[in-house]
mmCIF file of all heavy atoms, coordinates in Angstrom:
data_MODEL
# 
_entry.id   MODEL 
# 
loop_
_atom_site.group_PDB 
_atom_site.id 
_atom_site.type_symbol 
_atom_site.label_atom_id 
_atom_site.label_alt_id 
_atom_site.label_comp_id 
_atom_site.label_asym_id 
_atom_site.label_entity_id 
_atom_site.label_seq_id 
_atom_site.pdbx_PDB_ins_code 
_atom_site.Cartn_x 
_atom_site.Cartn_y 
_atom_site.Cartn_z 
_atom_site.occupancy 
_atom_site.B_iso_or_equiv 
_atom_site.pdbx_formal_charge 
_atom_site.auth_seq_id 
_atom_site.auth_comp_id 
_atom_site.auth_asym_id 
_atom_site.auth_atom_id 
_atom_site.pdbx_PDB_model_num 
ATOM 1   N N   . ALA A 1 1  ? 85.494  89.807  89.581  1.00 0.00 ? 1  ALA A N   1 
ATOM 2   C CA  . ALA A 1 1  ? 84.720  88.657  89.095  1.00 0.00 ? 1  ALA A CA  1 
ATOM 3   C C   . ALA A 1 1  ? 84.888  88.451  87.597  1.00 0.00 ? 1  ALA A C   1 
ATOM 4   O O   . ALA A 1 1  ? 84.688  87.343  87.094  1.00 0.00 ? 1  ALA A O   1 
ATOM 5   C CB  . ALA A 1 1  ? 83.252  88.837  89.440  1.00 0.00 ? 1  ALA A CB  1 
ATOM 6   N N   . LYS A 1 2  ? 85.267  89.487  86.880  1.00 0.00 ? 2  LYS A N   1 
ATOM 7   C CA  . LYS A 1 2  ? 85.446  89.359  85.433  1.00 0.00 ? 2  LYS A CA  1 
ATOM 8   C C   . LYS A 1 2  ? 86.571  88.386  85.083  1.00 0.00 ? 2  LYS A C   1 
ATOM 9   O O   . LYS A 1 2  ? 86.582  87.824  84.002  1.00 0.00 ? 2  LYS A O   1 
ATOM 10  C CB  . LYS A 1 2  ? 85.734  90.726  84.810  1.00 0.00 ? 2  LYS A CB  1 
ATOM 11  C CG  . LYS A 1 2  ? 84.539  91.648  84.825  1.00 0.00 ? 2  LYS A CG  1 
ATOM 12  C CD  . LYS A 1 2  ? 84.896  92.975  84.198  1.00 0.00 ? 2  LYS A CD  1 
ATOM 13  C CE  . LYS A 1 2  ? 83.713  93.927  84.245  1.00 0.00 ? 2  LYS A CE  1 
ATOM 14  N NZ  . LYS A 1 2  ? 84.058  95.236  83.673  1.00 0.00 ? 2  LYS A NZ  1 
ATOM 15  N N   . CYS A 1 3  ? 87.532  88.211  85.986  1.00 0.00 ? 3  CYS A N   1 
ATOM 16  C CA  . CYS A 1 3  ? 88.667  87.345  85.672  1.00 0.00 ? 3  CYS A CA  1 
ATOM 17  C C   . CYS A 1 3  ? 88.826  86.189  86.666  1.00 0.00 ? 3  CYS A C   1 
ATOM 18  O O   . CYS A 1 3  ? 89.855  85.536  86.693  1.00 0.00 ? 3  CYS A O   1 
ATOM 19  C CB  . CYS A 1 3  ? 89.952  88.168  85.581  1.00 0.00 ? 3  CYS A CB  1 
ATOM 20  S SG  . CYS A 1 3  ? 90.292  89.125  87.041  1.00 0.00 ? 3  CYS A SG  1 
ATOM 21  N N   . ARG A 1 4  ? 87.817  85.935  87.480  1.00 0.00 ? 4  ARG A N   1 
ATOM 22  C CA  . ARG A 1 4  ? 87.885  84.831  88.441  1.00 0.00 ? 4  ARG A CA  1 
ATOM 23  C C   . ARG A 1 4  ? 86.627  83.978  88.332  1.00 0.00 ? 4  ARG A C   1 
ATOM 24  O O   . ARG A 1 4  ? 85.571  84.455  87.975  1.00 0.00 ? 4  ARG A O   1 
ATOM 25  C CB  . ARG A 1 4  ? 87.983  85.361  89.880  1.00 0.00 ? 4  ARG A CB  1 
ATOM 26  C CG  . ARG A 1 4  ? 89.245  86.116  90.162  1.00 0.00 ? 4  ARG A CG  1 
ATOM 27  C CD  . ARG A 1 4  ? 90.414  85.145  90.308  1.00 0.00 ? 4  ARG A CD  1 
ATOM 28  N NE  . ARG A 1 4  ? 91.602  85.826  90.742  1.00 0.00 ? 4  ARG A NE  1 
ATOM 29  C CZ  . ARG A 1 4  ? 92.634  86.088  89.962  1.00 0.00 ? 4  ARG A CZ  1 
ATOM 30  N NH1 . ARG A 1 4  ? 92.608  85.756  88.709  1.00 0.00 ? 4  ARG A NH1 1 
ATOM 31  N NH2 . ARG A 1 4  ? 93.695  86.705  90.432  1.00 0.00 ? 4  ARG A NH2 1 
ATOM 32  N N   . GLU A 1 5  ? 86.757  82.722  88.700  1.00 0.00 ? 5  GLU A N   1 
ATOM 33  C CA  . GLU A 1 5  ? 85.621  81.812  88.607  1.00 0.00 ? 5  GLU A CA  1 
ATOM 34  C C   . GLU A 1 5  ? 84.921  81.560  89.938  1.00 0.00 ? 5  GLU A C   1 
ATOM 35  O O   . GLU A 1 5  ? 83.740  81.291  89.968  1.00 0.00 ? 5  GLU A O   1 
ATOM 36  C CB  . GLU A 1 5  ? 86.074  80.468  88.026  1.00 0.00 ? 5  GLU A CB  1 
ATOM 37  C CG  . GLU A 1 5  ? 86.572  80.596  86.599  1.00 0.00 ? 5  GLU A CG  1 
ATOM 38  C CD  . GLU A 1 5  ? 87.072  79.274  86.051  1.00 0.00 ? 5  GLU A CD  1 
ATOM 39  O OE1 . GLU A 1 5  ? 86.888  78.239  86.714  1.00 0.00 ? 5  GLU A OE1 1 
ATOM 40  O OE2 . GLU A 1 5  ? 87.652  79.287  84.965  1.00 0.00 ? 5  GLU A OE2 1 
ATOM 41  N N   . THR A 1 6  ? 85.644  81.649  91.047  1.00 0.00 ? 6  THR A N   1 
ATOM 42  C CA  . THR A 1 6  ? 85.052  81.261  92.324  1.00 0.00 ? 6  THR A CA  1 
ATOM 43  C C   . THR A 1 6  ? 84.018  82.262  92.804  1.00 0.00 ? 6  THR A C   1 
ATOM 44  O O   . THR A 1 6  ? 82.982  81.872  93.332  1.00 0.00 ? 6  THR A O   1 
ATOM 45  C CB  . THR A 1 6  ? 86.119  81.088  93.419  1.00 0.00 ? 6  THR A CB  1 
ATOM 46  O OG1 . THR A 1 6  ? 86.751  82.339  93.644  1.00 0.00 ? 6  THR A OG1 1 
ATOM 47  C CG2 . THR A 1 6  ? 87.135  80.038  93.048  1.00 0.00 ? 6  THR A CG2 1 
ATOM 48  N N   . GLY A 1 7  ? 84.297  83.545  92.670  1.00 0.00 ? 7  GLY A N   1 
ATOM 49  C CA  . GLY A 1 7  ? 83.350  84.559  93.100  1.00 0.00 ? 7  GLY A CA  1 
ATOM 50  C C   . GLY A 1 7  ? 83.185  84.665  94.605  1.00 0.00 ? 7  GLY A C   1 
ATOM 51  O O   . GLY A 1 7  ? 82.233  85.252  95.083  1.00 0.00 ? 7  GLY A O   1 
ATOM 52  N N   . GLU A 1 8  ? 84.094  84.097  95.370  1.00 0.00 ? 8  GLU A N   1 
ATOM 53  C CA  . GLU A 1 8  ? 84.017  84.182  96.825  1.00 0.00 ? 8  GLU A CA  1 
ATOM 54  C C   . GLU A 1 8  ? 85.076  85.163  97.311  1.00 0.00 ? 8  GLU A C   1 
ATOM 55  O O   . GLU A 1 8  ? 86.269  84.963  97.100  1.00 0.00 ? 8  GLU A O   1 
ATOM 56  C CB  . GLU A 1 8  ? 84.226  82.819  97.463  1.00 0.00 ? 8  GLU A CB  1 
ATOM 57  C CG  . GLU A 1 8  ? 83.911  82.831  98.932  1.00 0.00 ? 8  GLU A CG  1 
ATOM 58  C CD  . GLU A 1 8  ? 83.940  81.435  99.538  1.00 0.00 ? 8  GLU A CD  1 
ATOM 59  O OE1 . GLU A 1 8  ? 84.035  80.446  98.803  1.00 0.00 ? 8  GLU A OE1 1 
ATOM 60  O OE2 . GLU A 1 8  ? 83.887  81.366  100.775 1.00 0.00 ? 8  GLU A OE2 1 
ATOM 61  N N   . TYR A 1 9  ? 84.612  86.240  97.959  1.00 0.00 ? 9  TYR A N   1 
ATOM 62  C CA  . TYR A 1 9  ? 85.491  87.329  98.359  1.00 0.00 ? 9  TYR A CA  1 
ATOM 63  C C   . TYR A 1 9  ? 85.273  87.676  99.819  1.00 0.00 ? 9  TYR A C   1 
ATOM 64  O O   . TYR A 1 9  ? 84.225  87.408  100.387 1.00 0.00 ? 9  TYR A O   1 
ATOM 65  C CB  . TYR A 1 9  ? 85.205  88.594  97.532  1.00 0.00 ? 9  TYR A CB  1 
ATOM 66  C CG  . TYR A 1 9  ? 85.264  88.359  96.046  1.00 0.00 ? 9  TYR A CG  1 
ATOM 67  C CD1 . TYR A 1 9  ? 84.106  88.263  95.298  1.00 0.00 ? 9  TYR A CD1 1 
ATOM 68  C CD2 . TYR A 1 9  ? 86.485  88.235  95.407  1.00 0.00 ? 9  TYR A CD2 1 
ATOM 69  C CE1 . TYR A 1 9  ? 84.163  88.051  93.937  1.00 0.00 ? 9  TYR A CE1 1 
ATOM 70  C CE2 . TYR A 1 9  ? 86.551  88.018  94.045  1.00 0.00 ? 9  TYR A CE2 1 
ATOM 71  C CZ  . TYR A 1 9  ? 85.388  87.929  93.311  1.00 0.00 ? 9  TYR A CZ  1 
ATOM 72  O OH  . TYR A 1 9  ? 85.450  87.714  91.967  1.00 0.00 ? 9  TYR A OH  1 
ATOM 73  N N   . LYS A 1 10 ? 86.276  88.309  100.405 1.00 0.00 ? 10 LYS A N   1 
ATOM 74  C CA  . LYS A 1 10 ? 86.103  88.924  101.724 1.00 0.00 ? 10 LYS A CA  1 
ATOM 75  C C   . LYS A 1 10 ? 86.987  90.162  101.779 1.00 0.00 ? 10 LYS A C   1 
ATOM 76  O O   . LYS A 1 10 ? 88.026  90.236  101.123 1.00 0.00 ? 10 LYS A O   1 
ATOM 77  C CB  . LYS A 1 10 ? 86.407  87.958  102.867 1.00 0.00 ? 10 LYS A CB  1 
ATOM 78  C CG  . LYS A 1 10 ? 87.861  87.601  103.039 1.00 0.00 ? 10 LYS A CG  1 
ATOM 79  C CD  . LYS A 1 10 ? 88.042  86.692  104.250 1.00 0.00 ? 10 LYS A CD  1 
ATOM 80  C CE  . LYS A 1 10 ? 89.501  86.321  104.462 1.00 0.00 ? 10 LYS A CE  1 
ATOM 81  N NZ  . LYS A 1 10 ? 89.678  85.471  105.630 1.00 0.00 ? 10 LYS A NZ  1 
ATOM 82  N N   . TRP A 1 11 ? 86.549  91.146  102.570 1.00 0.00 ? 11 TRP A N   1 
ATOM 83  C CA  . TRP A 1 11 ? 87.275  92.404  102.726 1.00 0.00 ? 11 TRP A CA  1 
ATOM 84  C C   . TRP A 1 11 ? 87.973  92.426  104.063 1.00 0.00 ? 11 TRP A C   1 
ATOM 85  O O   . TRP A 1 11 ? 87.423  92.017  105.076 1.00 0.00 ? 11 TRP A O   1 
ATOM 86  C CB  . TRP A 1 11 ? 86.310  93.581  102.630 1.00 0.00 ? 11 TRP A CB  1 
ATOM 87  C CG  . TRP A 1 11 ? 85.858  93.795  101.229 1.00 0.00 ? 11 TRP A CG  1 
ATOM 88  C CD1 . TRP A 1 11 ? 84.722  93.296  100.651 1.00 0.00 ? 11 TRP A CD1 1 
ATOM 89  C CD2 . TRP A 1 11 ? 86.534  94.523  100.226 1.00 0.00 ? 11 TRP A CD2 1 
ATOM 90  N NE1 . TRP A 1 11 ? 84.667  93.682  99.346  1.00 0.00 ? 11 TRP A NE1 1 
ATOM 91  C CE2 . TRP A 1 11 ? 85.760  94.439  99.053  1.00 0.00 ? 11 TRP A CE2 1 
ATOM 92  C CE3 . TRP A 1 11 ? 87.734  95.237  100.174 1.00 0.00 ? 11 TRP A CE3 1 
ATOM 93  C CZ2 . TRP A 1 11 ? 86.144  95.044  97.867  1.00 0.00 ? 11 TRP A CZ2 1 
ATOM 94  C CZ3 . TRP A 1 11 ? 88.097  95.842  98.989  1.00 0.00 ? 11 TRP A CZ3 1 
ATOM 95  C CH2 . TRP A 1 11 ? 87.312  95.745  97.857  1.00 0.00 ? 11 TRP A CH2 1 
ATOM 96  N N   . VAL A 1 12 ? 89.208  92.916  104.055 1.00 0.00 ? 12 VAL A N   1 
ATOM 97  C CA  . VAL A 1 12 ? 90.017  93.024  105.270 1.00 0.00 ? 12 VAL A CA  1 
ATOM 98  C C   . VAL A 1 12 ? 90.533  94.456  105.355 1.00 0.00 ? 12 VAL A C   1 
ATOM 99  O O   . VAL A 1 12 ? 91.025  94.999  104.369 1.00 0.00 ? 12 VAL A O   1 
ATOM 100 C CB  . VAL A 1 12 ? 91.214  92.035  105.226 1.00 0.00 ? 12 VAL A CB  1 
ATOM 101 C CG1 . VAL A 1 12 ? 92.101  92.212  106.429 1.00 0.00 ? 12 VAL A CG1 1 
ATOM 102 C CG2 . VAL A 1 12 ? 90.721  90.608  105.103 1.00 0.00 ? 12 VAL A CG2 1 
ATOM 103 N N   . GLU A 1 13 ? 90.381  95.066  106.532 1.00 0.00 ? 13 GLU A N   1 
ATOM 104 C CA  . GLU A 1 13 ? 90.957  96.397  106.719 1.00 0.00 ? 13 GLU A CA  1 
ATOM 105 C C   . GLU A 1 13 ? 92.453  96.200  106.967 1.00 0.00 ? 13 GLU A C   1 
ATOM 106 O O   . GLU A 1 13 ? 92.890  95.878  108.060 1.00 0.00 ? 13 GLU A O   1 
ATOM 107 C CB  . GLU A 1 13 ? 90.296  97.157  107.857 1.00 0.00 ? 13 GLU A CB  1 
ATOM 108 C CG  . GLU A 1 13 ? 90.732  98.602  107.886 1.00 0.00 ? 13 GLU A CG  1 
ATOM 109 C CD  . GLU A 1 13 ? 89.889  99.481  108.798 1.00 0.00 ? 13 GLU A CD  1 
ATOM 110 O OE1 . GLU A 1 13 ? 89.096  98.947  109.592 1.00 0.00 ? 13 GLU A OE1 1 
ATOM 111 O OE2 . GLU A 1 13 ? 90.026  100.700 108.708 1.00 0.00 ? 13 GLU A OE2 1 
ATOM 112 N N   . HIS A 1 14 ? 93.207  96.377  105.903 1.00 0.00 ? 14 HIS A N   1 
ATOM 113 C CA  . HIS A 1 14 ? 94.650  96.122  105.904 1.00 0.00 ? 14 HIS A CA  1 
ATOM 114 C C   . HIS A 1 14 ? 95.385  97.118  106.798 1.00 0.00 ? 14 HIS A C   1 
ATOM 115 O O   . HIS A 1 14 ? 96.273  96.759  107.556 1.00 0.00 ? 14 HIS A O   1 
ATOM 116 C CB  . HIS A 1 14 ? 95.156  96.207  104.462 1.00 0.00 ? 14 HIS A CB  1 
ATOM 117 C CG  . HIS A 1 14 ? 96.572  95.830  104.257 1.00 0.00 ? 14 HIS A CG  1 
ATOM 118 N ND1 . HIS A 1 14 ? 97.054  94.562  104.530 1.00 0.00 ? 14 HIS A ND1 1 
ATOM 119 C CD2 . HIS A 1 14 ? 97.619  96.539  103.795 1.00 0.00 ? 14 HIS A CD2 1 
ATOM 120 C CE1 . HIS A 1 14 ? 98.341  94.530  104.252 1.00 0.00 ? 14 HIS A CE1 1 
ATOM 121 N NE2 . HIS A 1 14 ? 98.719  95.704  103.804 1.00 0.00 ? 14 HIS A NE2 1 
ATOM 122 N N   . ARG A 1 15 ? 95.022  98.374  106.685 1.00 0.00 ? 15 ARG A N   1 
ATOM 123 C CA  . ARG A 1 15 ? 95.501  99.477  107.530 1.00 0.00 ? 15 ARG A CA  1 
ATOM 124 C C   . ARG A 1 15 ? 94.309  100.386 107.759 1.00 0.00 ? 15 ARG A C   1 
ATOM 125 O O   . ARG A 1 15 ? 93.334  100.303 107.025 1.00 0.00 ? 15 ARG A O   1 
ATOM 126 C CB  . ARG A 1 15 ? 96.599  100.266 106.806 1.00 0.00 ? 15 ARG A CB  1 
ATOM 127 C CG  . ARG A 1 15 ? 97.868  99.508  106.582 1.00 0.00 ? 15 ARG A CG  1 
ATOM 128 C CD  . ARG A 1 15 ? 98.931  100.412 105.922 1.00 0.00 ? 15 ARG A CD  1 
ATOM 129 N NE  . ARG A 1 15 ? 100.033 99.624  105.466 1.00 0.00 ? 15 ARG A NE  1 
ATOM 130 C CZ  . ARG A 1 15 ? 100.274 99.313  104.196 1.00 0.00 ? 15 ARG A CZ  1 
ATOM 131 N NH1 . ARG A 1 15 ? 99.488  99.759  103.248 1.00 0.00 ? 15 ARG A NH1 1 
ATOM 132 N NH2 . ARG A 1 15 ? 101.304 98.585  103.867 1.00 0.00 ? 15 ARG A NH2 1 
ATOM 133 N N   . PRO A 1 16 ? 94.364  101.274 108.735 1.00 0.00 ? 16 PRO A N   1 
ATOM 134 C CA  . PRO A 1 16 ? 93.236  102.191 108.924 1.00 0.00 ? 16 PRO A CA  1 
ATOM 135 C C   . PRO A 1 16 ? 92.933  102.963 107.630 1.00 0.00 ? 16 PRO A C   1 
ATOM 136 O O   . PRO A 1 16 ? 93.824  103.568 107.041 1.00 0.00 ? 16 PRO A O   1 
ATOM 137 C CB  . PRO A 1 16 ? 93.717  103.131 110.032 1.00 0.00 ? 16 PRO A CB  1 
ATOM 138 C CG  . PRO A 1 16 ? 94.712  102.321 110.797 1.00 0.00 ? 16 PRO A CG  1 
ATOM 139 C CD  . PRO A 1 16 ? 95.401  101.458 109.762 1.00 0.00 ? 16 PRO A CD  1 
ATOM 140 N N   . GLY A 1 17 ? 91.696  102.849 107.171 1.00 0.00 ? 17 GLY A N   1 
ATOM 141 C CA  . GLY A 1 17 ? 91.287  103.550 105.963 1.00 0.00 ? 17 GLY A CA  1 
ATOM 142 C C   . GLY A 1 17 ? 91.707  102.879 104.667 1.00 0.00 ? 17 GLY A C   1 
ATOM 143 O O   . GLY A 1 17 ? 91.525  103.433 103.588 1.00 0.00 ? 17 GLY A O   1 
ATOM 144 N N   . GLU A 1 18 ? 92.237  101.653 104.746 1.00 0.00 ? 18 GLU A N   1 
ATOM 145 C CA  . GLU A 1 18 ? 92.666  100.925 103.550 1.00 0.00 ? 18 GLU A CA  1 
ATOM 146 C C   . GLU A 1 18 ? 92.116  99.501  103.619 1.00 0.00 ? 18 GLU A C   1 
ATOM 147 O O   . GLU A 1 18 ? 92.497  98.719  104.488 1.00 0.00 ? 18 GLU A O   1 
ATOM 148 C CB  . GLU A 1 18 ? 94.180  100.891 103.445 1.00 0.00 ? 18 GLU A CB  1 
ATOM 149 C CG  . GLU A 1 18 ? 94.686  100.176 102.227 1.00 0.00 ? 18 GLU A CG  1 
ATOM 150 C CD  . GLU A 1 18 ? 96.204  100.101 102.169 1.00 0.00 ? 18 GLU A CD  1 
ATOM 151 O OE1 . GLU A 1 18 ? 96.883  100.948 102.792 1.00 0.00 ? 18 GLU A OE1 1 
ATOM 152 O OE2 . GLU A 1 18 ? 96.694  99.185  101.522 1.00 0.00 ? 18 GLU A OE2 1 
ATOM 153 N N   . PHE A 1 19 ? 91.207  99.201  102.711 1.00 0.00 ? 19 PHE A N   1 
ATOM 154 C CA  . PHE A 1 19 ? 90.572  97.891  102.677 1.00 0.00 ? 19 PHE A CA  1 
ATOM 155 C C   . PHE A 1 19 ? 91.105  97.111  101.483 1.00 0.00 ? 19 PHE A C   1 
ATOM 156 O O   . PHE A 1 19 ? 91.248  97.653  100.393 1.00 0.00 ? 19 PHE A O   1 
ATOM 157 C CB  . PHE A 1 19 ? 89.049  98.038  102.560 1.00 0.00 ? 19 PHE A CB  1 
ATOM 158 C CG  . PHE A 1 19 ? 88.447  98.733  103.741 1.00 0.00 ? 19 PHE A CG  1 
ATOM 159 C CD1 . PHE A 1 19 ? 88.403  100.115 103.797 1.00 0.00 ? 19 PHE A CD1 1 
ATOM 160 C CD2 . PHE A 1 19 ? 87.955  98.004  104.805 1.00 0.00 ? 19 PHE A CD2 1 
ATOM 161 C CE1 . PHE A 1 19 ? 87.869  100.768 104.895 1.00 0.00 ? 19 PHE A CE1 1 
ATOM 162 C CE2 . PHE A 1 19 ? 87.417  98.651  105.904 1.00 0.00 ? 19 PHE A CE2 1 
ATOM 163 C CZ  . PHE A 1 19 ? 87.368  100.033 105.955 1.00 0.00 ? 19 PHE A CZ  1 
ATOM 164 N N   . ARG A 1 20 ? 91.404  95.836  101.680 1.00 0.00 ? 20 ARG A N   1 
ATOM 165 C CA  . ARG A 1 20 ? 91.942  94.985  100.622 1.00 0.00 ? 20 ARG A CA  1 
ATOM 166 C C   . ARG A 1 20 ? 91.003  93.805  100.398 1.00 0.00 ? 20 ARG A C   1 
ATOM 167 O O   . ARG A 1 20 ? 90.502  93.207  101.348 1.00 0.00 ? 20 ARG A O   1 
ATOM 168 C CB  . ARG A 1 20 ? 93.327  94.451  100.992 1.00 0.00 ? 20 ARG A CB  1 
ATOM 169 C CG  . ARG A 1 20 ? 94.372  95.509  101.110 1.00 0.00 ? 20 ARG A CG  1 
ATOM 170 C CD  . ARG A 1 20 ? 94.697  96.048  99.755  1.00 0.00 ? 20 ARG A CD  1 
ATOM 171 N NE  . ARG A 1 20 ? 95.721  97.080  99.859  1.00 0.00 ? 20 ARG A NE  1 
ATOM 172 C CZ  . ARG A 1 20 ? 96.278  97.644  98.829  1.00 0.00 ? 20 ARG A CZ  1 
ATOM 173 N NH1 . ARG A 1 20 ? 95.929  97.307  97.615  1.00 0.00 ? 20 ARG A NH1 1 
ATOM 174 N NH2 . ARG A 1 20 ? 97.173  98.578  98.998  1.00 0.00 ? 20 ARG A NH2 1 
ATOM 175 N N   . LEU A 1 21 ? 90.806  93.487  99.137  1.00 0.00 ? 21 LEU A N   1 
ATOM 176 C CA  . LEU A 1 21 ? 89.948  92.375  98.758  1.00 0.00 ? 21 LEU A CA  1 
ATOM 177 C C   . LEU A 1 21 ? 90.758  91.092  98.724  1.00 0.00 ? 21 LEU A C   1 
ATOM 178 O O   . LEU A 1 21 ? 91.844  91.051  98.149  1.00 0.00 ? 21 LEU A O   1 
ATOM 179 C CB  . LEU A 1 21 ? 89.346  92.647  97.371  1.00 0.00 ? 21 LEU A CB  1 
ATOM 180 C CG  . LEU A 1 21 ? 88.404  91.583  96.820  1.00 0.00 ? 21 LEU A CG  1 
ATOM 181 C CD1 . LEU A 1 21 ? 87.170  91.449  97.719  1.00 0.00 ? 21 LEU A CD1 1 
ATOM 182 C CD2 . LEU A 1 21 ? 87.997  91.924  95.403  1.00 0.00 ? 21 LEU A CD2 1 
ATOM 183 N N   . GLN A 1 22 ? 90.207  90.054  99.351  1.00 0.00 ? 22 GLN A N   1 
ATOM 184 C CA  . GLN A 1 22 ? 90.797  88.727  99.267  1.00 0.00 ? 22 GLN A CA  1 
ATOM 185 C C   . GLN A 1 22 ? 89.843  87.827  98.484  1.00 0.00 ? 22 GLN A C   1 
ATOM 186 O O   . GLN A 1 22 ? 88.626  87.951  98.605  1.00 0.00 ? 22 GLN A O   1 
ATOM 187 C CB  . GLN A 1 22 ? 91.046  88.130  100.646 1.00 0.00 ? 22 GLN A CB  1 
ATOM 188 C CG  . GLN A 1 22 ? 92.166  88.792  101.398 1.00 0.00 ? 22 GLN A CG  1 
ATOM 189 C CD  . GLN A 1 22 ? 92.569  87.997  102.627 1.00 0.00 ? 22 GLN A CD  1 
ATOM 190 O OE1 . GLN A 1 22 ? 91.772  87.289  103.220 1.00 0.00 ? 22 GLN A OE1 1 
ATOM 191 N NE2 . GLN A 1 22 ? 93.820  88.133  103.017 1.00 0.00 ? 22 GLN A NE2 1 
ATOM 192 N N   . GLU A 1 23 ? 90.421  86.936  97.679  1.00 0.00 ? 23 GLU A N   1 
ATOM 193 C CA  . GLU A 1 23 ? 89.644  86.014  96.866  1.00 0.00 ? 23 GLU A CA  1 
ATOM 194 C C   . GLU A 1 23 ? 90.001  84.588  97.250  1.00 0.00 ? 23 GLU A C   1 
ATOM 195 O O   . GLU A 1 23 ? 91.159  84.296  97.534  1.00 0.00 ? 23 GLU A O   1 
ATOM 196 C CB  . GLU A 1 23 ? 89.987  86.193  95.389  1.00 0.00 ? 23 GLU A CB  1 
ATOM 197 C CG  . GLU A 1 23 ? 89.758  87.602  94.886  1.00 0.00 ? 23 GLU A CG  1 
ATOM 198 C CD  . GLU A 1 23 ? 90.355  87.800  93.510  1.00 0.00 ? 23 GLU A CD  1 
ATOM 199 O OE1 . GLU A 1 23 ? 91.597  87.727  93.399  1.00 0.00 ? 23 GLU A OE1 1 
ATOM 200 O OE2 . GLU A 1 23 ? 89.579  88.021  92.577  1.00 0.00 ? 23 GLU A OE2 1 
ATOM 201 N N   . ARG A 1 24 ? 88.985  83.713  97.240  1.00 0.00 ? 24 ARG A N   1 
ATOM 202 C CA  . ARG A 1 24 ? 89.262  82.296  97.516  1.00 0.00 ? 24 ARG A CA  1 
ATOM 203 C C   . ARG A 1 24 ? 89.768  81.666  96.222  1.00 0.00 ? 24 ARG A C   1 
ATOM 204 O O   . ARG A 1 24 ? 89.136  81.739  95.188  1.00 0.00 ? 24 ARG A O   1 
ATOM 205 C CB  . ARG A 1 24 ? 88.023  81.565  97.996  1.00 0.00 ? 24 ARG A CB  1 
ATOM 206 C CG  . ARG A 1 24 ? 88.343  80.134  98.420  1.00 0.00 ? 24 ARG A CG  1 
ATOM 207 C CD  . ARG A 1 24 ? 87.136  79.395  98.940  1.00 0.00 ? 24 ARG A CD  1 
ATOM 208 N NE  . ARG A 1 24 ? 86.589  79.944  100.141 1.00 0.00 ? 24 ARG A NE  1 
ATOM 209 C CZ  . ARG A 1 24 ? 87.033  79.725  101.379 1.00 0.00 ? 24 ARG A CZ  1 
ATOM 210 N NH1 . ARG A 1 24 ? 88.096  78.984  101.577 1.00 0.00 ? 24 ARG A NH1 1 
ATOM 211 N NH2 . ARG A 1 24 ? 86.407  80.242  102.413 1.00 0.00 ? 24 ARG A NH2 1 
ATOM 212 N N   . GLY A 1 25 ? 90.927  81.051  96.316  1.00 0.00 ? 25 GLY A N   1 
ATOM 213 C CA  . GLY A 1 25 ? 91.534  80.415  95.160  1.00 0.00 ? 25 GLY A CA  1 
ATOM 214 C C   . GLY A 1 25 ? 91.035  79.003  94.942  1.00 0.00 ? 25 GLY A C   1 
ATOM 215 O O   . GLY A 1 25 ? 90.208  78.487  95.693  1.00 0.00 ? 25 GLY A O   1 
ATOM 216 N N   . THR A 1 26 ? 91.558  78.353  93.930  1.00 0.00 ? 26 THR A N   1 
ATOM 217 C CA  . THR A 1 26 ? 91.142  76.997  93.591  1.00 0.00 ? 26 THR A CA  1 
ATOM 218 C C   . THR A 1 26 ? 91.546  75.982  94.659  1.00 0.00 ? 26 THR A C   1 
ATOM 219 O O   . THR A 1 26 ? 90.959  74.915  94.751  1.00 0.00 ? 26 THR A O   1 
ATOM 220 C CB  . THR A 1 26 ? 91.744  76.570  92.238  1.00 0.00 ? 26 THR A CB  1 
ATOM 221 O OG1 . THR A 1 26 ? 93.159  76.717  92.297  1.00 0.00 ? 26 THR A OG1 1 
ATOM 222 C CG2 . THR A 1 26 ? 91.180  77.411  91.107  1.00 0.00 ? 26 THR A CG2 1 
ATOM 223 N N   . ARG A 1 27 ? 92.529  76.325  95.472  1.00 0.00 ? 27 ARG A N   1 
ATOM 224 C CA  . ARG A 1 27 ? 92.961  75.418  96.552  1.00 0.00 ? 27 ARG A CA  1 
ATOM 225 C C   . ARG A 1 27 ? 92.198  75.644  97.852  1.00 0.00 ? 27 ARG A C   1 
ATOM 226 O O   . ARG A 1 27 ? 92.498  75.037  98.870  1.00 0.00 ? 27 ARG A O   1 
ATOM 227 C CB  . ARG A 1 27 ? 94.454  75.589  96.800  1.00 0.00 ? 27 ARG A CB  1 
ATOM 228 C CG  . ARG A 1 27 ? 95.267  75.162  95.609  1.00 0.00 ? 27 ARG A CG  1 
ATOM 229 C CD  . ARG A 1 27 ? 96.730  75.237  95.891  1.00 0.00 ? 27 ARG A CD  1 
ATOM 230 N NE  . ARG A 1 27 ? 97.466  74.799  94.716  1.00 0.00 ? 27 ARG A NE  1 
ATOM 231 C CZ  . ARG A 1 27 ? 98.724  75.007  94.520  1.00 0.00 ? 27 ARG A CZ  1 
ATOM 232 N NH1 . ARG A 1 27 ? 99.434  75.650  95.428  1.00 0.00 ? 27 ARG A NH1 1 
ATOM 233 N NH2 . ARG A 1 27 ? 99.317  74.583  93.439  1.00 0.00 ? 27 ARG A NH2 1 
ATOM 234 N N   . GLY A 1 28 ? 91.224  76.553  97.823  1.00 0.00 ? 28 GLY A N   1 
ATOM 235 C CA  . GLY A 1 28 ? 90.368  76.755  98.981  1.00 0.00 ? 28 GLY A CA  1 
ATOM 236 C C   . GLY A 1 28 ? 90.833  77.793  99.974  1.00 0.00 ? 28 GLY A C   1 
ATOM 237 O O   . GLY A 1 28 ? 90.172  78.031  100.979 1.00 0.00 ? 28 GLY A O   1 
# 
């Protein structure tokens, strides 16, 4: 959030035991 304006995030379990943060960009 320190470097983004939207502040909309979701977490995805990319692999077992590995979670990756996704951010909503300006294009939605």
